[in-house]
């Protein structure tokens, strides 16, 4: 489930609608949508996949 800012297009993972409703004012969001189920926007999935596929420096490899 995802809290989606309609204005900026940013996304935040959340567990329920009530959590999204609490997070939105704390993040300063006025126009937002709650995406239920496996409807995580593709941009978020691509960003996470790219982050995990990124080569790591040998010193910091085990820290993350």
PDB file of N, CA and C in Angstrom:
ATOM      1  N   UNK A   1       0.837  -1.162   0.000  1.00  0.00           N
ATOM      2  CA  UNK A   1       0.000   0.000   0.000  1.00  0.00           C
ATOM      3  C   UNK A   1       0.891   1.236   0.000  1.00  0.00           C
ATOM      4  N   UNK A   2       0.417   2.279  -0.660  1.00  0.00           N
ATOM      5  CA  UNK A   2       1.260   3.439  -0.874  1.00  0.00           C
ATOM      6  C   UNK A   2       0.479   4.728  -0.693  1.00  0.00           C
ATOM      7  N   UNK A   3       1.113   5.696  -0.064  1.00  0.00           N
ATOM      8  CA  UNK A   3       0.595   7.052   0.009  1.00  0.00           C
ATOM      9  C   UNK A   3       1.223   7.798  -1.155  1.00  0.00           C
ATOM     10  N   UNK A   4       0.404   8.371  -2.031  1.00  0.00           N
ATOM     11  CA  UNK A   4       0.878   8.999  -3.256  1.00  0.00           C
ATOM     12  C   UNK A   4       0.509  10.483  -3.236  1.00  0.00           C
ATOM     13  N   UNK A   5       1.512  11.362  -3.420  1.00  0.00           N
ATOM     14  CA  UNK A   5       1.271  12.802  -3.510  1.00  0.00           C
ATOM     15  C   UNK A   5       0.881  13.133  -4.946  1.00  0.00           C
ATOM     16  N   UNK A   6      -0.332  13.634  -5.141  1.00  0.00           N
ATOM     17  CA  UNK A   6      -0.812  13.953  -6.485  1.00  0.00           C
ATOM     18  C   UNK A   6      -0.086  15.154  -7.073  1.00  0.00           C
ATOM     19  N   UNK A   7       0.398  16.024  -6.223  1.00  0.00           N
ATOM     20  CA  UNK A   7       1.049  17.254  -6.684  1.00  0.00           C
ATOM     21  C   UNK A   7       2.471  17.002  -7.181  1.00  0.00           C
ATOM     22  N   UNK A   8       3.274  16.265  -6.407  1.00  0.00           N
ATOM     23  CA  UNK A   8       4.685  16.065  -6.744  1.00  0.00           C
ATOM     24  C   UNK A   8       4.971  14.700  -7.355  1.00  0.00           C
ATOM     25  N   UNK A   9       4.089  13.705  -7.145  1.00  0.00           N
ATOM     26  CA  UNK A   9       4.309  12.366  -7.662  1.00  0.00           C
ATOM     27  C   UNK A   9       5.170  11.496  -6.761  1.00  0.00           C
ATOM     28  N   UNK A  10       5.513  11.980  -5.569  1.00  0.00           N
ATOM     29  CA  UNK A  10       6.320  11.176  -4.642  1.00  0.00           C
ATOM     30  C   UNK A  10       5.447  10.122  -3.972  1.00  0.00           C
ATOM     31  N   UNK A  11       6.093   9.057  -3.458  1.00  0.00           N
ATOM     32  CA  UNK A  11       5.386   7.928  -2.857  1.00  0.00           C
ATOM     33  C   UNK A  11       6.010   7.552  -1.524  1.00  0.00           C
ATOM     34  N   UNK A  12       5.165   7.118  -0.587  1.00  0.00           N
ATOM     35  CA  UNK A  12       5.623   6.619   0.709  1.00  0.00           C
ATOM     36  C   UNK A  12       4.879   5.327   1.008  1.00  0.00           C
ATOM     37  N   UNK A  13       5.584   4.278   1.408  1.00  0.00           N
ATOM     38  CA  UNK A  13       4.893   3.029   1.774  1.00  0.00           C
ATOM     39  C   UNK A  13       4.131   3.210   3.078  1.00  0.00           C
ATOM     40  N   UNK A  14       2.963   2.585   3.165  1.00  0.00           N
ATOM     41  CA  UNK A  14       2.171   2.634   4.396  1.00  0.00           C
ATOM     42  C   UNK A  14       1.422   1.313   4.531  1.00  0.00           C
ATOM     43  N   UNK A  15       0.913   1.051   5.728  1.00  0.00           N
ATOM     44  CA  UNK A  15       0.255  -0.225   6.015  1.00  0.00           C
ATOM     45  C   UNK A  15      -1.261  -0.181   5.876  1.00  0.00           C
ATOM     46  N   UNK A  16      -1.856   1.011   6.045  1.00  0.00           N
ATOM     47  CA  UNK A  16      -3.311   1.108   5.992  1.00  0.00           C
ATOM     48  C   UNK A  16      -3.718   2.530   5.626  1.00  0.00           C
ATOM     49  N   UNK A  17      -5.025   2.698   5.367  1.00  0.00           N
ATOM     50  CA  UNK A  17      -5.534   4.031   5.050  1.00  0.00           C
ATOM     51  C   UNK A  17      -5.383   4.971   6.238  1.00  0.00           C
ATOM     52  N   UNK A  18      -5.608   4.439   7.452  1.00  0.00           N
ATOM     53  CA  UNK A  18      -5.499   5.298   8.634  1.00  0.00           C
ATOM     54  C   UNK A  18      -4.062   5.793   8.817  1.00  0.00           C
ATOM     55  N   UNK A  19      -3.083   4.946   8.518  1.00  0.00           N
ATOM     56  CA  UNK A  19      -1.692   5.385   8.606  1.00  0.00           C
ATOM     57  C   UNK A  19      -1.414   6.441   7.539  1.00  0.00           C
ATOM     58  N   UNK A  20      -1.958   6.263   6.339  1.00  0.00           N
ATOM     59  CA  UNK A  20      -1.781   7.241   5.274  1.00  0.00           C
ATOM     60  C   UNK A  20      -2.410   8.579   5.670  1.00  0.00           C
ATOM     61  N   UNK A  21      -3.592   8.519   6.285  1.00  0.00           N
ATOM     62  CA  UNK A  21      -4.269   9.742   6.715  1.00  0.00           C
ATOM     63  C   UNK A  21      -3.486  10.470   7.803  1.00  0.00           C
ATOM     64  N   UNK A  22      -2.759   9.734   8.641  1.00  0.00           N
ATOM     65  CA  UNK A  22      -1.919  10.355   9.671  1.00  0.00           C
ATOM     66  C   UNK A  22      -0.629  10.900   9.077  1.00  0.00           C
ATOM     67  N   UNK A  23      -0.067  10.187   8.094  1.00  0.00           N
ATOM     68  CA  UNK A  23       1.194  10.604   7.490  1.00  0.00           C
ATOM     69  C   UNK A  23       1.042  11.855   6.627  1.00  0.00           C
ATOM     70  N   UNK A  24      -0.064  11.965   5.911  1.00  0.00           N
ATOM     71  CA  UNK A  24      -0.254  13.053   4.952  1.00  0.00           C
ATOM     72  C   UNK A  24      -0.087  14.448   5.576  1.00  0.00           C
ATOM     73  N   UNK A  25      -0.767  14.775   6.678  1.00  0.00           N
ATOM     74  CA  UNK A  25      -0.572  16.104   7.265  1.00  0.00           C
ATOM     75  C   UNK A  25       0.852  16.310   7.802  1.00  0.00           C
ATOM     76  N   UNK A  26       1.445  15.232   8.337  1.00  0.00           N
ATOM     77  CA  UNK A  26       2.812  15.338   8.848  1.00  0.00           C
ATOM     78  C   UNK A  26       3.806  15.635   7.731  1.00  0.00           C
ATOM     79  N   UNK A  27       3.514  15.146   6.528  1.00  0.00           N
ATOM     80  CA  UNK A  27       4.379  15.391   5.378  1.00  0.00           C
ATOM     81  C   UNK A  27       4.013  16.684   4.653  1.00  0.00           C
ATOM     82  N   UNK A  28       2.943  17.333   5.096  1.00  0.00           N
ATOM     83  CA  UNK A  28       2.515  18.582   4.474  1.00  0.00           C
ATOM     84  C   UNK A  28       1.753  18.368   3.175  1.00  0.00           C
ATOM     85  N   UNK A  29       1.135  17.202   3.017  1.00  0.00           N
ATOM     86  CA  UNK A  29       0.414  16.897   1.782  1.00  0.00           C
ATOM     87  C   UNK A  29      -1.030  17.367   1.878  1.00  0.00           C
ATOM     88  N   UNK A  30      -1.496  18.034   0.824  1.00  0.00           N
ATOM     89  CA  UNK A  30      -2.901  18.432   0.758  1.00  0.00           C
ATOM     90  C   UNK A  30      -3.647  17.617  -0.291  1.00  0.00           C
ATOM     91  N   UNK A  31      -2.986  17.294  -1.401  1.00  0.00           N
ATOM     92  CA  UNK A  31      -3.583  16.477  -2.456  1.00  0.00           C
ATOM     93  C   UNK A  31      -2.866  15.134  -2.486  1.00  0.00           C
ATOM     94  N   UNK A  32      -3.502  14.092  -1.962  1.00  0.00           N
ATOM     95  CA  UNK A  32      -2.861  12.784  -1.895  1.00  0.00           C
ATOM     96  C   UNK A  32      -3.879  11.690  -2.159  1.00  0.00           C
ATOM     97  N   UNK A  33      -3.366  10.528  -2.531  1.00  0.00           N
ATOM     98  CA  UNK A  33      -4.188   9.352  -2.789  1.00  0.00           C
ATOM     99  C   UNK A  33      -3.565   8.163  -2.091  1.00  0.00           C
ATOM    100  N   UNK A  34      -4.406   7.240  -1.689  1.00  0.00           N
ATOM    101  CA  UNK A  34      -3.935   6.006  -1.065  1.00  0.00           C
ATOM    102  C   UNK A  34      -4.131   4.881  -2.065  1.00  0.00           C
ATOM    103  N   UNK A  35      -3.040   4.234  -2.469  1.00  0.00           N
ATOM    104  CA  UNK A  35      -3.100   3.117  -3.412  1.00  0.00           C
ATOM    105  C   UNK A  35      -3.111   1.827  -2.610  1.00  0.00           C
ATOM    106  N   UNK A  36      -4.153   1.033  -2.783  1.00  0.00           N
ATOM    107  CA  UNK A  36      -4.328  -0.185  -2.004  1.00  0.00           C
ATOM    108  C   UNK A  36      -3.778  -1.397  -2.736  1.00  0.00           C
ATOM    109  N   UNK A  37      -3.390  -2.407  -1.987  1.00  0.00           N
ATOM    110  CA  UNK A  37      -2.949  -3.666  -2.567  1.00  0.00           C
ATOM    111  C   UNK A  37      -1.606  -3.548  -3.271  1.00  0.00           C
ATOM    112  N   UNK A  38      -1.463  -4.268  -4.378  1.00  0.00           N
ATOM    113  CA  UNK A  38      -0.214  -4.276  -5.126  1.00  0.00           C
ATOM    114  C   UNK A  38      -0.247  -3.242  -6.249  1.00  0.00           C
ATOM    115  N   UNK A  39      -0.824  -2.083  -5.962  1.00  0.00           N
ATOM    116  CA  UNK A  39      -0.910  -1.030  -6.968  1.00  0.00           C
ATOM    117  C   UNK A  39       0.180   0.005  -6.765  1.00  0.00           C
ATOM    118  N   UNK A  40       1.326  -0.421  -6.246  1.00  0.00           N
ATOM    119  CA  UNK A  40       2.449   0.487  -6.071  1.00  0.00           C
ATOM    120  C   UNK A  40       2.827   1.049  -7.431  1.00  0.00           C
ATOM    121  N   UNK A  41       2.929   2.358  -7.558  1.00  0.00           N
ATOM    122  CA  UNK A  41       3.247   2.943  -8.858  1.00  0.00           C
ATOM    123  C   UNK A  41       4.551   2.377  -9.421  1.00  0.00           C
ATOM    124  N   UNK A  42       4.654   2.193 -10.730  1.00  0.00           N
ATOM    125  CA  UNK A  42       5.838   1.590 -11.330  1.00  0.00           C
ATOM    126  C   UNK A  42       7.108   2.389 -11.056  1.00  0.00           C
ATOM    127  N   UNK A  43       6.992   3.707 -10.914  1.00  0.00           N
ATOM    128  CA  UNK A  43       8.194   4.503 -10.665  1.00  0.00           C
ATOM    129  C   UNK A  43       8.833   4.111  -9.349  1.00  0.00           C
ATOM    130  N   UNK A  44       8.021   3.764  -8.348  1.00  0.00           N
ATOM    131  CA  UNK A  44       8.566   3.370  -7.057  1.00  0.00           C
ATOM    132  C   UNK A  44       9.252   2.007  -7.171  1.00  0.00           C
ATOM    133  N   UNK A  45       8.625   1.059  -7.878  1.00  0.00           N
ATOM    134  CA  UNK A  45       9.225  -0.252  -8.066  1.00  0.00           C
ATOM    135  C   UNK A  45      10.539  -0.138  -8.822  1.00  0.00           C
ATOM    136  N   UNK A  46      10.579   0.692  -9.874  1.00  0.00           N
ATOM    137  CA  UNK A  46      11.793   0.854 -10.656  1.00  0.00           C
ATOM    138  C   UNK A  46      12.900   1.473  -9.817  1.00  0.00           C
ATOM    139  N   UNK A  47      12.567   2.453  -9.005  1.00  0.00           N
ATOM    140  CA  UNK A  47      13.563   3.109  -8.167  1.00  0.00           C
ATOM    141  C   UNK A  47      14.161   2.125  -7.173  1.00  0.00           C
ATOM    142  N   UNK A  48      13.334   1.309  -6.538  1.00  0.00           N
ATOM    143  CA  UNK A  48      13.813   0.326  -5.564  1.00  0.00           C
ATOM    144  C   UNK A  48      14.687  -0.713  -6.262  1.00  0.00           C
ATOM    145  N   UNK A  49      14.261  -1.176  -7.439  1.00  0.00           N
ATOM    146  CA  UNK A  49      15.035  -2.172  -8.179  1.00  0.00           C
ATOM    147  C   UNK A  49      16.385  -1.606  -8.603  1.00  0.00           C
ATOM    148  N   UNK A  50      16.411  -0.355  -9.052  1.00  0.00           N
ATOM    149  CA  UNK A  50      17.670   0.272  -9.456  1.00  0.00           C
ATOM    150  C   UNK A  50      18.598   0.435  -8.258  1.00  0.00           C
ATOM    151  N   UNK A  51      18.038   0.799  -7.117  1.00  0.00           N
ATOM    152  CA  UNK A  51      18.842   0.997  -5.922  1.00  0.00           C
ATOM    153  C   UNK A  51      19.499  -0.329  -5.497  1.00  0.00           C
ATOM    154  N   UNK A  52      18.738  -1.413  -5.560  1.00  0.00           N
ATOM    155  CA  UNK A  52      19.272  -2.721  -5.152  1.00  0.00           C
ATOM    156  C   UNK A  52      20.291  -3.255  -6.152  1.00  0.00           C
ATOM    157  N   UNK A  53      20.146  -2.904  -7.429  1.00  0.00           N
ATOM    158  CA  UNK A  53      21.047  -3.401  -8.465  1.00  0.00           C
ATOM    159  C   UNK A  53      22.337  -2.568  -8.565  1.00  0.00           C
ATOM    160  N   UNK A  54      22.362  -1.432  -7.915  1.00  0.00           N
ATOM    161  CA  UNK A  54      23.515  -0.537  -7.993  1.00  0.00           C
ATOM    162  C   UNK A  54      24.750  -1.204  -7.391  1.00  0.00           C
ATOM    163  N   UNK A  55      25.905  -1.100  -8.068  1.00  0.00           N
ATOM    164  CA  UNK A  55      27.127  -1.701  -7.503  1.00  0.00           C
ATOM    165  C   UNK A  55      27.518  -1.020  -6.188  1.00  0.00           C
ATOM    166  N   UNK A  56      27.985  -1.795  -5.245  1.00  0.00           N
ATOM    167  CA  UNK A  56      28.352  -1.288  -3.927  1.00  0.00           C
ATOM    168  C   UNK A  56      29.867  -1.177  -3.795  1.00  0.00           C
ATOM    169  N   UNK A  57      30.282  -0.229  -3.008  1.00  0.00           N
ATOM    170  CA  UNK A  57      31.705  -0.092  -2.709  1.00  0.00           C
ATOM    171  C   UNK A  57      32.104  -1.235  -1.784  1.00  0.00           C
ATOM    172  N   UNK A  58      33.296  -1.771  -1.943  1.00  0.00           N
ATOM    173  CA  UNK A  58      33.696  -2.960  -1.185  1.00  0.00           C
ATOM    174  C   UNK A  58      33.707  -2.725   0.318  1.00  0.00           C
ATOM    175  N   UNK A  59      33.921  -1.512   0.789  1.00  0.00           N
ATOM    176  CA  UNK A  59      33.956  -1.233   2.236  1.00  0.00           C
ATOM    177  C   UNK A  59      32.540  -1.181   2.798  1.00  0.00           C
ATOM    178  N   UNK A  60      31.599  -0.555   2.083  1.00  0.00           N
ATOM    179  CA  UNK A  60      30.238  -0.393   2.594  1.00  0.00           C
ATOM    180  C   UNK A  60      29.304  -1.532   2.180  1.00  0.00           C
ATOM    181  N   UNK A  61      29.777  -2.507   1.459  1.00  0.00           N
ATOM    182  CA  UNK A  61      28.937  -3.572   0.925  1.00  0.00           C
ATOM    183  C   UNK A  61      28.189  -4.320   2.033  1.00  0.00           C
ATOM    184  N   UNK A  62      28.824  -4.649   3.131  1.00  0.00           N
ATOM    185  CA  UNK A  62      28.177  -5.417   4.193  1.00  0.00           C
ATOM    186  C   UNK A  62      27.371  -4.582   5.156  1.00  0.00           C
ATOM    187  N   UNK A  63      27.462  -3.272   5.101  1.00  0.00           N
ATOM    188  CA  UNK A  63      26.781  -2.392   6.055  1.00  0.00           C
ATOM    189  C   UNK A  63      25.303  -2.260   5.721  1.00  0.00           C
ATOM    190  N   UNK A  64      24.950  -2.232   4.467  1.00  0.00           N
ATOM    191  CA  UNK A  64      23.569  -1.952   4.065  1.00  0.00           C
ATOM    192  C   UNK A  64      22.656  -3.108   4.234  1.00  0.00           C
TER     193      UNK A  64
END
